[in-house]
Protein backbone atom coordinates (compact mmCIF):
# COMPACT_ATOMS: atom_id res chain seq x y z
CA MET A 1 24.41 -11.15 1.41
CA ARG A 2 26.55 -8.37 -0.03
CA LYS A 3 24.88 -8.88 -3.40
CA ALA A 4 21.45 -8.70 -1.78
CA LEU A 5 22.32 -5.48 0.05
CA LYS A 6 23.59 -3.95 -3.17
CA ALA A 7 20.35 -4.88 -4.92
CA MET A 8 18.32 -3.31 -2.11
CA SER A 9 20.38 -0.12 -2.27
CA TRP A 10 20.02 0.19 -6.05
CA GLY A 11 16.29 -0.46 -5.82
CA LEU A 12 15.76 2.36 -3.35
CA VAL A 13 18.08 4.78 -5.13
CA LEU A 14 16.43 4.17 -8.47
CA MET A 15 12.90 4.61 -7.15
CA ILE A 16 13.74 7.75 -5.17
CA GLY A 17 15.73 9.14 -8.10
CA CYS A 18 12.85 8.31 -10.39
CA GLY A 19 10.48 10.42 -8.32
CA ALA A 20 12.91 13.36 -8.17
CA VAL A 21 13.62 13.40 -11.90
CA ALA A 22 9.93 13.01 -12.67
CA LEU A 23 9.32 16.33 -10.95
CA ARG A 24 12.03 18.03 -13.01
CA ALA A 25 10.67 16.56 -16.22
CA GLU A 26 7.16 17.58 -15.26
CA GLY A 27 8.42 21.12 -14.73
CA ALA A 28 9.75 21.10 -18.30
CA LEU A 29 6.19 20.57 -19.55
CA ARG A 30 4.74 23.62 -17.85
CA PRO A 31 5.59 26.30 -20.49
CA GLU A 32 3.07 24.74 -22.89
CA PRO A 33 0.22 27.21 -23.62
CA ALA A 34 -3.09 26.57 -21.91
CA CYS A 35 -6.17 25.60 -23.87
CA PRO A 36 -8.20 28.54 -25.19
CA GLY A 37 -11.53 29.35 -23.61
CA ALA A 38 -12.98 28.44 -20.25
CA PHE A 39 -12.61 25.01 -18.70
CA PRO A 40 -15.75 22.89 -19.27
CA ALA A 41 -16.07 21.94 -15.62
CA PRO A 42 -18.52 19.11 -14.90
CA VAL A 43 -21.70 20.21 -13.16
CA GLU A 44 -22.51 16.81 -11.69
CA PRO A 45 -20.28 14.79 -9.32
CA MET A 46 -17.56 12.71 -10.99
CA LEU A 47 -15.62 9.63 -9.96
CA LEU A 48 -11.82 9.62 -10.20
CA SER A 49 -9.52 6.65 -9.79
CA ARG A 50 -5.77 7.00 -9.39
CA GLN A 51 -3.64 3.89 -9.72
CA LEU A 52 0.06 3.83 -8.80
CA ARG A 53 2.09 0.84 -9.97
CA ARG A 54 5.66 0.55 -8.66
CA SER A 55 8.15 -2.22 -9.35
CA LEU A 56 10.24 -3.68 -6.53
CA PHE A 57 13.88 -4.61 -7.06
CA ASP A 58 13.01 -8.31 -7.48
CA GLY A 59 10.55 -7.67 -10.31
CA GLN A 60 7.36 -7.88 -8.24
CA GLU A 61 5.01 -4.91 -8.00
CA ILE A 62 3.07 -2.77 -5.57
CA VAL A 63 -0.24 -1.50 -6.99
CA VAL A 64 -2.29 1.07 -5.08
CA THR A 65 -5.61 2.31 -6.46
CA ARG A 66 -7.67 4.98 -4.72
CA HIS A 67 -11.13 6.10 -5.80
CA TYR A 68 -12.55 9.56 -5.11
CA ARG A 69 -15.88 11.32 -5.57
CA LEU A 70 -15.22 14.78 -7.00
CA ASN A 71 -17.15 18.03 -7.17
CA PHE A 72 -15.99 20.96 -9.31
CA VAL A 73 -16.82 24.28 -7.65
CA ARG A 74 -16.50 27.62 -9.49
CA ILE A 75 -14.49 30.23 -7.58
CA PRO A 76 -13.43 33.78 -8.60
CA HIS A 77 -10.14 32.79 -10.23
CA GLY A 78 -11.05 29.36 -11.57
CA PHE A 79 -12.28 26.19 -9.89
CA ARG A 80 -11.85 24.23 -6.69
CA VAL A 81 -11.96 20.45 -6.96
CA ASP A 82 -13.27 18.86 -3.77
CA GLY A 83 -12.66 15.15 -3.37
CA VAL A 84 -13.60 12.44 -0.89
CA GLN A 85 -12.05 8.98 -0.94
CA VAL A 86 -14.67 6.25 -1.41
CA ASP A 87 -12.51 3.15 -1.77
CA ALA A 88 -8.92 1.89 -1.88
CA GLU A 89 -7.23 -1.26 -3.17
CA VAL A 90 -3.66 -2.43 -2.53
CA GLN A 91 -1.88 -5.32 -4.22
CA ALA A 92 1.53 -6.39 -2.92
CA PRO A 93 3.60 -9.56 -2.42
CA GLU A 94 2.17 -11.84 0.27
CA ARG A 95 5.07 -11.24 2.63
CA LEU A 96 4.08 -7.55 2.69
CA ALA A 97 0.41 -8.25 3.46
CA ALA A 98 0.44 -6.49 6.84
CA LEU A 99 1.99 -3.33 5.39
CA ALA A 100 -0.39 -3.46 2.44
CA GLN A 101 -3.32 -3.60 4.86
CA MET A 102 -2.04 -0.46 6.61
CA GLU A 103 -2.05 1.39 3.32
CA ARG A 104 -5.43 -0.08 2.36
CA VAL A 105 -7.18 1.31 5.44
CA ARG A 106 -5.33 4.65 5.44
CA LEU A 107 -7.79 7.38 4.44
CA ASP A 108 -6.38 10.04 2.11
CA THR A 109 -7.45 13.40 3.52
CA THR A 110 -4.61 15.55 2.11
CA THR A 111 -4.89 15.37 -1.70
CA PHE A 112 -7.95 17.59 -2.00
CA PRO A 113 -8.97 20.29 -2.54
CA ILE A 114 -7.13 20.88 -5.83
CA TYR A 115 -7.31 24.29 -7.50
CA LEU A 116 -7.59 24.98 -11.23
CA ASP A 117 -7.23 28.22 -13.14
CA ARG A 118 -9.91 29.34 -15.59
CA ALA A 119 -8.32 27.24 -18.36
CA GLY A 120 -8.47 24.09 -16.22
CA LEU A 121 -4.76 23.79 -15.34
CA ILE A 122 -3.78 22.72 -11.82
CA VAL A 123 -2.30 25.62 -9.86
CA THR A 124 -0.56 25.75 -6.50
CA LEU A 125 -1.82 28.35 -4.08
CA PRO A 126 0.59 29.99 -1.62
CA GLY A 127 0.50 28.58 1.88
CA PRO A 128 2.04 25.92 4.11
CA ALA A 129 2.87 22.55 2.58
CA ARG A 130 0.27 19.85 3.11
CA PRO A 131 1.17 17.01 5.46
CA HIS A 132 1.60 13.57 3.96
CA ALA A 133 2.02 10.23 5.68
CA LYS A 134 1.70 10.63 9.44
CA PRO A 135 4.96 9.97 11.35
CA ASN A 136 3.25 7.37 13.55
CA VAL A 137 2.26 5.38 10.44
CA VAL A 138 5.88 5.23 9.32
CA SER A 139 7.03 4.36 12.84
CA VAL A 140 4.52 1.53 13.19
CA ALA A 141 5.50 0.14 9.78
CA GLN A 142 9.19 0.23 10.69
CA GLN A 143 8.50 -1.47 14.02
CA MET A 144 6.59 -4.21 12.21
CA ILE A 145 9.55 -4.84 9.93
CA ALA A 146 12.01 -4.83 12.85
CA ALA A 147 9.88 -7.36 14.76
CA SER A 148 9.33 -9.61 11.76
CA ARG A 149 11.37 -12.59 10.67
CA LEU A 150 12.15 -11.04 7.32
CA LYS A 151 15.79 -11.18 6.35
CA GLY A 152 18.01 -10.19 3.44
CA GLN A 153 16.08 -9.34 0.30
CA GLU A 154 12.70 -9.76 1.99
CA ARG A 155 13.56 -7.16 4.65
CA GLY A 156 14.90 -4.85 1.96
CA GLN A 157 11.68 -5.28 -0.01
CA ALA A 158 9.62 -4.38 3.05
CA ASN A 159 11.72 -1.27 3.68
CA GLN A 160 11.29 -0.29 0.05
CA PHE A 161 7.52 -0.69 0.41
CA VAL A 162 7.53 1.76 3.32
CA GLU A 163 9.79 4.16 1.43
CA GLN A 164 7.45 4.24 -1.56
CA LEU A 165 4.08 4.35 0.16
CA PHE A 166 4.55 6.02 3.53
CA SER A 167 7.58 8.33 3.55
CA ARG A 168 7.45 12.03 2.68
CA ASP A 169 10.12 11.48 0.02
CA GLY A 170 8.45 8.56 -1.75
CA PRO A 171 6.93 8.71 -5.25
CA VAL A 172 3.44 8.56 -3.74
CA ILE A 173 3.57 12.35 -3.23
CA SER A 174 4.66 13.19 -6.79
CA LEU A 175 3.01 16.14 -8.53
CA TRP A 176 -0.06 15.52 -10.62
CA PRO A 177 0.22 16.59 -14.29
CA GLU A 178 -0.67 20.24 -14.63
CA ALA A 179 -3.09 19.54 -17.50
CA LEU A 180 -4.58 16.44 -15.90
CA PHE A 181 -8.21 17.54 -16.16
CA ARG A 182 -7.91 19.25 -19.56
CA PRO A 183 -5.16 17.75 -21.76
CA ASN A 184 -3.92 20.19 -24.38
CA THR A 185 -1.85 17.81 -26.54
CA GLY A 186 -1.56 14.18 -27.49
CA PRO A 187 1.08 11.83 -26.01
CA ARG A 188 4.34 13.50 -24.96
CA VAL A 189 7.75 12.08 -24.12
CA THR A 190 10.54 13.78 -22.17
CA ARG A 191 13.97 12.47 -21.16
CA ASP A 192 16.23 13.56 -18.35
CA HIS A 193 19.79 12.61 -17.35
CA LEU A 194 20.10 10.99 -13.93
CA ILE A 195 23.20 11.42 -11.75
CA LEU A 196 23.68 9.00 -8.84
CA PRO A 197 26.19 8.96 -5.96
CA GLY A 198 29.48 7.34 -6.89
CA GLY A 199 29.60 8.72 -10.40
CA GLU A 200 26.99 6.42 -11.92
CA SER A 201 24.60 7.93 -14.43
CA GLY A 202 21.48 6.91 -16.26
CA GLU A 203 18.39 8.17 -18.01
CA VAL A 204 14.77 8.72 -17.03
CA THR A 205 12.08 8.74 -19.69
CA MET A 206 8.64 10.09 -18.86
CA THR A 207 5.66 9.54 -21.14
CA LEU A 208 2.28 11.22 -20.68
CA ILE A 209 -0.64 9.63 -22.52
CA PRO A 210 -3.89 11.61 -22.24
CA ARG A 211 -7.23 10.37 -23.55
CA SER A 212 -10.27 12.56 -24.11
CA ALA A 213 -12.94 13.14 -26.74
CA HIS A 214 -10.65 15.72 -28.37
CA VAL A 215 -7.77 18.01 -27.45
CA CYS A 216 -8.80 20.44 -24.67
CA ALA A 217 -11.89 18.42 -23.77
CA LEU A 218 -12.46 17.08 -20.26
CA VAL A 219 -10.03 14.24 -19.58
CA GLU A 220 -11.21 10.64 -19.69
CA SER A 221 -7.89 9.13 -18.60
CA MET A 222 -4.26 10.12 -18.20
CA GLU A 223 -1.35 7.69 -17.93
CA ARG A 224 2.16 8.67 -16.81
CA ILE A 225 4.94 6.15 -17.40
CA ILE A 226 8.36 6.71 -15.83
CA GLU A 227 11.18 4.42 -16.92
CA THR A 228 14.56 4.62 -15.18
CA GLU A 229 17.67 2.94 -16.59
CA VAL A 230 21.05 2.80 -14.88
CA GLY A 231 23.49 0.32 -16.40
CA LYS A 232 21.65 -2.99 -16.59
CA GLN A 233 19.16 -1.96 -13.91
CA LYS A 234 15.74 -0.90 -15.16
CA ARG A 235 12.69 0.27 -13.23
CA ARG A 236 9.22 1.19 -14.43
CA ALA A 237 6.62 3.20 -12.53
CA THR A 238 3.18 4.09 -13.84
CA GLU A 239 0.30 6.25 -12.70
CA LEU A 240 -3.16 6.06 -14.23
CA TRP A 241 -5.99 8.51 -13.63
CA ILE A 242 -9.52 7.73 -14.88
CA LEU A 243 -12.34 10.28 -14.69
CA ALA A 244 -15.93 9.18 -15.28
CA PRO A 245 -19.46 10.44 -14.55
CA GLN A 246 -21.03 9.16 -11.38
CA GLY A 247 -23.90 6.81 -12.21
CA GLU A 248 -26.75 6.00 -9.88
CA ASN A 249 -25.14 2.76 -8.72
CA ASP A 250 -21.50 3.65 -9.24
CA THR A 251 -19.01 3.50 -6.37
CA ALA A 252 -15.76 3.89 -8.31
CA PRO A 253 -14.43 3.89 -11.88
CA VAL A 254 -12.55 0.81 -13.00
CA ALA A 255 -8.75 1.02 -13.23
CA PRO A 256 -7.27 -1.79 -15.34
């Protein structure tokens, strides 16, 4: 039991630490010059998929994919990206099926609008922070775990699921890459030192892999890979964005 509790603790610490360091590493990328010229904003609606893949401490994964219909609207200082969720998919271990269903039916109404400057970089406008997971969603999820028959590692896994997908501090609310819609370089790798309670240390490596017709063209896909290593413990988290034109019969782009 003690070993199981230790594994649960490390799993949560690594995933939370991973999200925090990812934000610091992302900040280190911001000084890069913007692309020259105006952003080639799409005139027609586009479809965007965002897939989050998170490993649990036992090696299994949670995969959440949301699909949005986007419209790029020109405004005085750049562009506003309006988005409406059109579909969502959640894959998780069978024992977490009820929690996965909660996330599957939860409608994302807080991600959009997103604002871009004239060069196509994501900017943050001043104002109150946007709300994330509703407190009652977290409360219901925690009540479900408390009332379940899950024990030991299974209960820890369920708590980790809630931490990652529902809580305000989970990786689900991580910042999107500033140059998501208009990549200005090829693949980039950054590393950051991770300090944990108790004197342990490790390393976080973040890799951004953009794909587009050419540098500074409209993005086709962007992958962010975050690898955390502390001693013999390793965790991997990935995010994948895919942007595609909306066809007559399209409902969502395909995320592998």
